[in-house]
Amino acid sequence: NLDFIGRSGVVNQLAPNRQVGVQVSGTSEDG
């Protein structure tokens, strides 16, 4: 679903990428 073929330069260089770990998440009641 990416807009372009591959991600931007800053995302490729700085985003922490896939990792092994644990995460908590959720949404507010109104979404």
All heavy atoms as atom14 arrays in JSON, in Angstrom:
{
  "sequence": "NLDFIGRSGVVNQLAPNRQVGVQVSGTSEDG",
  "atom14_mask": [
    [1, 1, 1, 1, 1, 1, 1, 1, 0, 0, 0, 0, 0, 0],
    [1, 1, 1, 1, 1, 1, 1, 1, 0, 0, 0, 0, 0, 0],
    [1, 1, 1, 1, 1, 1, 1, 1, 0, 0, 0, 0, 0, 0],
    [1, 1, 1, 1, 1, 1, 1, 1, 1, 1, 1, 0, 0, 0],
    [1, 1, 1, 1, 1, 1, 1, 1, 0, 0, 0, 0, 0, 0],
    [1, 1, 1, 1, 0, 0, 0, 0, 0, 0, 0, 0, 0, 0],
    [1, 1, 1, 1, 1, 1, 1, 1, 1, 1, 1, 0, 0, 0],
    [1, 1, 1, 1, 1, 1, 0, 0, 0, 0, 0, 0, 0, 0],
    [1, 1, 1, 1, 0, 0, 0, 0, 0, 0, 0, 0, 0, 0],
    [1, 1, 1, 1, 1, 1, 1, 0, 0, 0, 0, 0, 0, 0],
    [1, 1, 1, 1, 1, 1, 1, 0, 0, 0, 0, 0, 0, 0],
    [1, 1, 1, 1, 1, 1, 1, 1, 0, 0, 0, 0, 0, 0],
    [1, 1, 1, 1, 1, 1, 1, 1, 1, 0, 0, 0, 0, 0],
    [1, 1, 1, 1, 1, 1, 1, 1, 0, 0, 0, 0, 0, 0],
    [1, 1, 1, 1, 1, 0, 0, 0, 0, 0, 0, 0, 0, 0],
    [1, 1, 1, 1, 1, 1, 1, 0, 0, 0, 0, 0, 0, 0],
    [1, 1, 1, 1, 1, 1, 1, 1, 0, 0, 0, 0, 0, 0],
    [1, 1, 1, 1, 1, 1, 1, 1, 1, 1, 1, 0, 0, 0],
    [1, 1, 1, 1, 1, 1, 1, 1, 1, 0, 0, 0, 0, 0],
    [1, 1, 1, 1, 1, 1, 1, 0, 0, 0, 0, 0, 0, 0],
    [1, 1, 1, 1, 0, 0, 0, 0, 0, 0, 0, 0, 0, 0],
    [1, 1, 1, 1, 1, 1, 1, 0, 0, 0, 0, 0, 0, 0],
    [1, 1, 1, 1, 1, 1, 1, 1, 1, 0, 0, 0, 0, 0],
    [1, 1, 1, 1, 1, 1, 1, 0, 0, 0, 0, 0, 0, 0],
    [1, 1, 1, 1, 1, 1, 0, 0, 0, 0, 0, 0, 0, 0],
    [1, 1, 1, 1, 0, 0, 0, 0, 0, 0, 0, 0, 0, 0],
    [1, 1, 1, 1, 1, 1, 1, 0, 0, 0, 0, 0, 0, 0],
    [1, 1, 1, 1, 1, 1, 0, 0, 0, 0, 0, 0, 0, 0],
    [1, 1, 1, 1, 1, 1, 1, 1, 1, 0, 0, 0, 0, 0],
    [1, 1, 1, 1, 1, 1, 1, 1, 0, 0, 0, 0, 0, 0],
    [1, 1, 1, 1, 0, 0, 0, 0, 0, 0, 0, 0, 0, 0]
  ],
  "atom14_positions": [
    [[0.8, -1.23, 0.0], [0.0, 0.0, 0.0], [0.83, 1.28, 0.0], [0.29, 2.36, 0.22], [-0.92, -0.01, 1.23], [-1.84, -1.2, 1.25], [-2.46, -1.54, 0.25], [-1.92, -1.86, 2.4], [0.0, 0.0, 0.0], [0.0, 0.0, 0.0], [0.0, 0.0, 0.0], [0.0, 0.0, 0.0], [0.0, 0.0, 0.0], [0.0, 0.0, 0.0]],
    [[2.13, 1.18, -0.25], [2.97, 2.37, -0.27], [2.61, 3.26, -1.46], [2.27, 2.77, -2.54], [4.44, 1.97, -0.35], [5.05, 1.33, 0.9], [6.47, 0.86, 0.6], [5.05, 2.31, 2.07], [0.0, 0.0, 0.0], [0.0, 0.0, 0.0], [0.0, 0.0, 0.0], [0.0, 0.0, 0.0], [0.0, 0.0, 0.0], [0.0, 0.0, 0.0]],
    [[2.74, 4.57, -1.27], [2.46, 5.51, -2.35], [3.46, 5.35, -3.49], [3.1, 5.46, -4.67], [2.51, 6.95, -1.84], [1.41, 7.25, -0.83], [0.3, 6.71, -1.0], [1.66, 8.02, 0.12], [0.0, 0.0, 0.0], [0.0, 0.0, 0.0], [0.0, 0.0, 0.0], [0.0, 0.0, 0.0], [0.0, 0.0, 0.0], [0.0, 0.0, 0.0]],
    [[4.74, 5.13, -3.13], [5.8, 5.01, -4.12], [6.48, 3.65, -4.0], [6.21, 2.89, -3.06], [6.84, 6.13, -3.93], [6.31, 7.5, -4.23], [5.71, 8.26, -3.23], [6.39, 8.04, -5.5], [5.2, 9.52, -3.49], [5.89, 9.29, -5.78], [5.29, 10.04, -4.78], [0.0, 0.0, 0.0], [0.0, 0.0, 0.0], [0.0, 0.0, 0.0]],
    [[7.38, 3.36, -4.93], [8.14, 2.12, -4.89], [9.27, 2.3, -3.88], [10.28, 2.93, -4.16], [8.7, 1.76, -6.27], [7.56, 1.65, -7.28], [9.5, 0.46, -6.22], [8.02, 1.49, -8.72], [0.0, 0.0, 0.0], [0.0, 0.0, 0.0], [0.0, 0.0, 0.0], [0.0, 0.0, 0.0], [0.0, 0.0, 0.0], [0.0, 0.0, 0.0]],
    [[9.1, 1.8, -2.69], [10.06, 2.01, -1.63], [9.69, 3.21, -0.79], [8.91, 4.08, -1.19], [0.0, 0.0, 0.0], [0.0, 0.0, 0.0], [0.0, 0.0, 0.0], [0.0, 0.0, 0.0], [0.0, 0.0, 0.0], [0.0, 0.0, 0.0], [0.0, 0.0, 0.0], [0.0, 0.0, 0.0], [0.0, 0.0, 0.0], [0.0, 0.0, 0.0]],
    [[10.27, 3.26, 0.41], [9.98, 4.33, 1.35], [10.95, 5.49, 1.17], [11.95, 5.38, 0.46], [10.02, 3.79, 2.78], [8.89, 2.79, 3.05], [8.95, 2.22, 4.44], [7.76, 1.42, 4.73], [7.61, 0.14, 4.42], [8.61, -0.5, 3.81], [6.5, -0.5, 4.7], [0.0, 0.0, 0.0], [0.0, 0.0, 0.0], [0.0, 0.0, 0.0]],
    [[10.68, 6.59, 1.85], [11.48, 7.8, 1.72], [12.86, 7.61, 2.32], [13.11, 6.69, 3.11], [10.78, 8.96, 2.43], [10.67, 8.69, 3.82], [0.0, 0.0, 0.0], [0.0, 0.0, 0.0], [0.0, 0.0, 0.0], [0.0, 0.0, 0.0], [0.0, 0.0, 0.0], [0.0, 0.0, 0.0], [0.0, 0.0, 0.0], [0.0, 0.0, 0.0]],
    [[13.78, 8.52, 1.97], [15.15, 8.44, 2.46], [15.24, 8.54, 3.97], [15.97, 7.77, 4.61], [0.0, 0.0, 0.0], [0.0, 0.0, 0.0], [0.0, 0.0, 0.0], [0.0, 0.0, 0.0], [0.0, 0.0, 0.0], [0.0, 0.0, 0.0], [0.0, 0.0, 0.0], [0.0, 0.0, 0.0], [0.0, 0.0, 0.0], [0.0, 0.0, 0.0]],
    [[14.48, 9.45, 4.6], [14.59, 9.63, 6.04], [14.01, 8.43, 6.79], [14.55, 8.02, 7.84], [13.9, 10.94, 6.48], [12.39, 10.9, 6.24], [14.21, 11.23, 7.94], [0.0, 0.0, 0.0], [0.0, 0.0, 0.0], [0.0, 0.0, 0.0], [0.0, 0.0, 0.0], [0.0, 0.0, 0.0], [0.0, 0.0, 0.0], [0.0, 0.0, 0.0]],
    [[12.96, 7.83, 6.29], [12.39, 6.64, 6.94], [13.36, 5.47, 6.82], [13.59, 4.73, 7.79], [11.01, 6.3, 6.35], [10.52, 4.94, 6.85], [10.01, 7.39, 6.7], [0.0, 0.0, 0.0], [0.0, 0.0, 0.0], [0.0, 0.0, 0.0], [0.0, 0.0, 0.0], [0.0, 0.0, 0.0], [0.0, 0.0, 0.0], [0.0, 0.0, 0.0]],
    [[13.95, 5.29, 5.65], [14.93, 4.21, 5.48], [16.14, 4.4, 6.38], [16.71, 3.42, 6.88], [15.38, 4.13, 4.02], [14.33, 3.5, 3.12], [13.56, 2.66, 3.55], [14.3, 3.91, 1.86], [0.0, 0.0, 0.0], [0.0, 0.0, 0.0], [0.0, 0.0, 0.0], [0.0, 0.0, 0.0], [0.0, 0.0, 0.0], [0.0, 0.0, 0.0]],
    [[16.56, 5.64, 6.6], [17.78, 5.9, 7.35], [17.57, 5.93, 8.86], [18.48, 5.57, 9.62], [18.42, 7.22, 6.9], [19.08, 7.17, 5.54], [20.36, 6.35, 5.54], [20.84, 5.89, 6.58], [20.94, 6.17, 4.37], [0.0, 0.0, 0.0], [0.0, 0.0, 0.0], [0.0, 0.0, 0.0], [0.0, 0.0, 0.0], [0.0, 0.0, 0.0]],
    [[16.42, 6.39, 9.33], [16.27, 6.68, 10.76], [15.21, 5.84, 11.48], [15.32, 5.66, 12.7], [15.97, 8.16, 10.97], [17.09, 9.14, 10.63], [16.64, 10.58, 10.89], [18.36, 8.84, 11.42], [0.0, 0.0, 0.0], [0.0, 0.0, 0.0], [0.0, 0.0, 0.0], [0.0, 0.0, 0.0], [0.0, 0.0, 0.0], [0.0, 0.0, 0.0]],
    [[14.19, 5.37, 10.82], [13.13, 4.63, 11.52], [13.7, 3.37, 12.16], [14.55, 2.69, 11.57], [12.0, 4.28, 10.56], [0.0, 0.0, 0.0], [0.0, 0.0, 0.0], [0.0, 0.0, 0.0], [0.0, 0.0, 0.0], [0.0, 0.0, 0.0], [0.0, 0.0, 0.0], [0.0, 0.0, 0.0], [0.0, 0.0, 0.0], [0.0, 0.0, 0.0]],
    [[13.26, 3.02, 13.39], [13.86, 1.89, 14.11], [13.65, 0.51, 13.5], [14.23, -0.46, 14.0], [13.19, 1.99, 15.5], [12.79, 3.41, 15.63], [12.4, 3.84, 14.25], [0.0, 0.0, 0.0], [0.0, 0.0, 0.0], [0.0, 0.0, 0.0], [0.0, 0.0, 0.0], [0.0, 0.0, 0.0], [0.0, 0.0, 0.0], [0.0, 0.0, 0.0]],
    [[12.79, 0.36, 12.51], [12.63, -0.9, 11.8], [11.9, -1.94, 12.64], [11.41, -1.68, 13.71], [13.99, -1.44, 11.32], [13.9, -2.11, 9.96], [12.98, -2.87, 9.68], [14.84, -1.8, 9.09], [0.0, 0.0, 0.0], [0.0, 0.0, 0.0], [0.0, 0.0, 0.0], [0.0, 0.0, 0.0], [0.0, 0.0, 0.0], [0.0, 0.0, 0.0]],
    [[11.83, -3.16, 12.09], [11.25, -4.27, 12.85], [12.17, -4.64, 14.01], [13.39, -4.6, 13.87], [11.03, -5.49, 11.94], [9.81, -5.37, 11.04], [9.7, -6.59, 10.13], [8.38, -6.7, 9.53], [8.01, -6.12, 8.4], [8.88, -5.35, 7.75], [6.79, -6.28, 7.91], [0.0, 0.0, 0.0], [0.0, 0.0, 0.0], [0.0, 0.0, 0.0]],
    [[11.57, -5.06, 15.11], [12.32, -5.4, 16.31], [11.64, -6.55, 17.05], [10.45, -6.8, 16.87], [12.41, -4.18, 17.25], [13.01, -2.93, 16.66], [14.52, -2.99, 16.55], [15.17, -3.85, 17.18], [15.1, -2.09, 15.77], [0.0, 0.0, 0.0], [0.0, 0.0, 0.0], [0.0, 0.0, 0.0], [0.0, 0.0, 0.0], [0.0, 0.0, 0.0]],
    [[12.41, -7.22, 17.91], [11.86, -8.21, 18.82], [11.58, -7.53, 20.15], [12.48, -6.88, 20.73], [12.83, -9.38, 19.02], [12.25, -10.39, 20.03], [13.13, -10.07, 17.7], [0.0, 0.0, 0.0], [0.0, 0.0, 0.0], [0.0, 0.0, 0.0], [0.0, 0.0, 0.0], [0.0, 0.0, 0.0], [0.0, 0.0, 0.0], [0.0, 0.0, 0.0]],
    [[10.35, -7.64, 20.64], [10.02, -6.99, 21.9], [8.57, -7.14, 22.26], [7.88, -8.08, 21.81], [0.0, 0.0, 0.0], [0.0, 0.0, 0.0], [0.0, 0.0, 0.0], [0.0, 0.0, 0.0], [0.0, 0.0, 0.0], [0.0, 0.0, 0.0], [0.0, 0.0, 0.0], [0.0, 0.0, 0.0], [0.0, 0.0, 0.0], [0.0, 0.0, 0.0]],
    [[8.06, -6.21, 23.05], [6.67, -6.23, 23.51], [6.08, -4.83, 23.35], [6.79, -3.83, 23.5], [6.59, -6.71, 24.97], [7.34, -5.77, 25.91], [5.15, -6.89, 25.42], [0.0, 0.0, 0.0], [0.0, 0.0, 0.0], [0.0, 0.0, 0.0], [0.0, 0.0, 0.0], [0.0, 0.0, 0.0], [0.0, 0.0, 0.0], [0.0, 0.0, 0.0]],
    [[4.79, -4.78, 23.06], [4.12, -3.5, 22.81], [2.72, -3.52, 23.38], [2.03, -4.56, 23.34], [4.05, -3.24, 21.3], [3.2, -2.06, 20.89], [3.07, -1.93, 19.39], [4.0, -1.51, 18.71], [1.91, -2.3, 18.84], [0.0, 0.0, 0.0], [0.0, 0.0, 0.0], [0.0, 0.0, 0.0], [0.0, 0.0, 0.0], [0.0, 0.0, 0.0]],
    [[2.29, -2.39, 23.93], [0.89, -2.2, 24.32], [0.3, -1.13, 23.41], [0.99, -0.19, 22.99], [0.75, -1.8, 25.8], [1.22, -2.92, 26.71], [1.5, -0.51, 26.1], [0.0, 0.0, 0.0], [0.0, 0.0, 0.0], [0.0, 0.0, 0.0], [0.0, 0.0, 0.0], [0.0, 0.0, 0.0], [0.0, 0.0, 0.0], [0.0, 0.0, 0.0]],
    [[-0.98, -1.28, 23.08], [-1.62, -0.34, 22.16], [-3.11, -0.32, 22.43], [-3.67, -1.19, 23.11], [-1.35, -0.72, 20.7], [-1.9, -2.0, 20.42], [0.0, 0.0, 0.0], [0.0, 0.0, 0.0], [0.0, 0.0, 0.0], [0.0, 0.0, 0.0], [0.0, 0.0, 0.0], [0.0, 0.0, 0.0], [0.0, 0.0, 0.0], [0.0, 0.0, 0.0]],
    [[-3.77, 0.69, 21.88], [-5.21, 0.78, 22.02], [-5.74, 2.08, 21.43], [-4.97, 2.93, 20.97], [0.0, 0.0, 0.0], [0.0, 0.0, 0.0], [0.0, 0.0, 0.0], [0.0, 0.0, 0.0], [0.0, 0.0, 0.0], [0.0, 0.0, 0.0], [0.0, 0.0, 0.0], [0.0, 0.0, 0.0], [0.0, 0.0, 0.0], [0.0, 0.0, 0.0]],
    [[-7.05, 2.22, 21.44], [-7.7, 3.41, 20.91], [-8.63, 3.99, 21.97], [-9.07, 3.28, 22.89], [-8.51, 3.11, 19.65], [-9.51, 2.11, 19.96], [-7.62, 2.57, 18.54], [0.0, 0.0, 0.0], [0.0, 0.0, 0.0], [0.0, 0.0, 0.0], [0.0, 0.0, 0.0], [0.0, 0.0, 0.0], [0.0, 0.0, 0.0], [0.0, 0.0, 0.0]],
    [[-8.92, 5.26, 21.84], [-9.9, 5.88, 22.73], [-11.29, 5.36, 22.39], [-11.52, 4.78, 21.33], [-9.84, 7.4, 22.59], [-10.12, 7.8, 21.25], [0.0, 0.0, 0.0], [0.0, 0.0, 0.0], [0.0, 0.0, 0.0], [0.0, 0.0, 0.0], [0.0, 0.0, 0.0], [0.0, 0.0, 0.0], [0.0, 0.0, 0.0], [0.0, 0.0, 0.0]],
    [[-12.24, 5.57, 23.29], [-13.58, 5.05, 23.09], [-14.25, 5.61, 21.85], [-15.05, 4.93, 21.19], [-14.44, 5.32, 24.33], [-14.0, 4.51, 25.55], [-14.96, 4.66, 26.71], [-15.98, 5.39, 26.54], [-14.72, 4.06, 27.76], [0.0, 0.0, 0.0], [0.0, 0.0, 0.0], [0.0, 0.0, 0.0], [0.0, 0.0, 0.0], [0.0, 0.0, 0.0]],
    [[-13.92, 6.86, 21.5], [-14.52, 7.45, 20.3], [-13.75, 7.1, 19.04], [-14.15, 7.49, 17.94], [-14.63, 8.96, 20.44], [-13.29, 9.64, 20.7], [-12.23, 8.98, 20.57], [-13.28, 10.84, 21.04], [0.0, 0.0, 0.0], [0.0, 0.0, 0.0], [0.0, 0.0, 0.0], [0.0, 0.0, 0.0], [0.0, 0.0, 0.0], [0.0, 0.0, 0.0]],
    [[-12.62, 6.37, 19.15], [-11.86, 5.93, 18.0], [-10.95, 6.98, 17.4], [-10.28, 6.7, 16.4], [0.0, 0.0, 0.0], [0.0, 0.0, 0.0], [0.0, 0.0, 0.0], [0.0, 0.0, 0.0], [0.0, 0.0, 0.0], [0.0, 0.0, 0.0], [0.0, 0.0, 0.0], [0.0, 0.0, 0.0], [0.0, 0.0, 0.0], [0.0, 0.0, 0.0]]
  ]
}
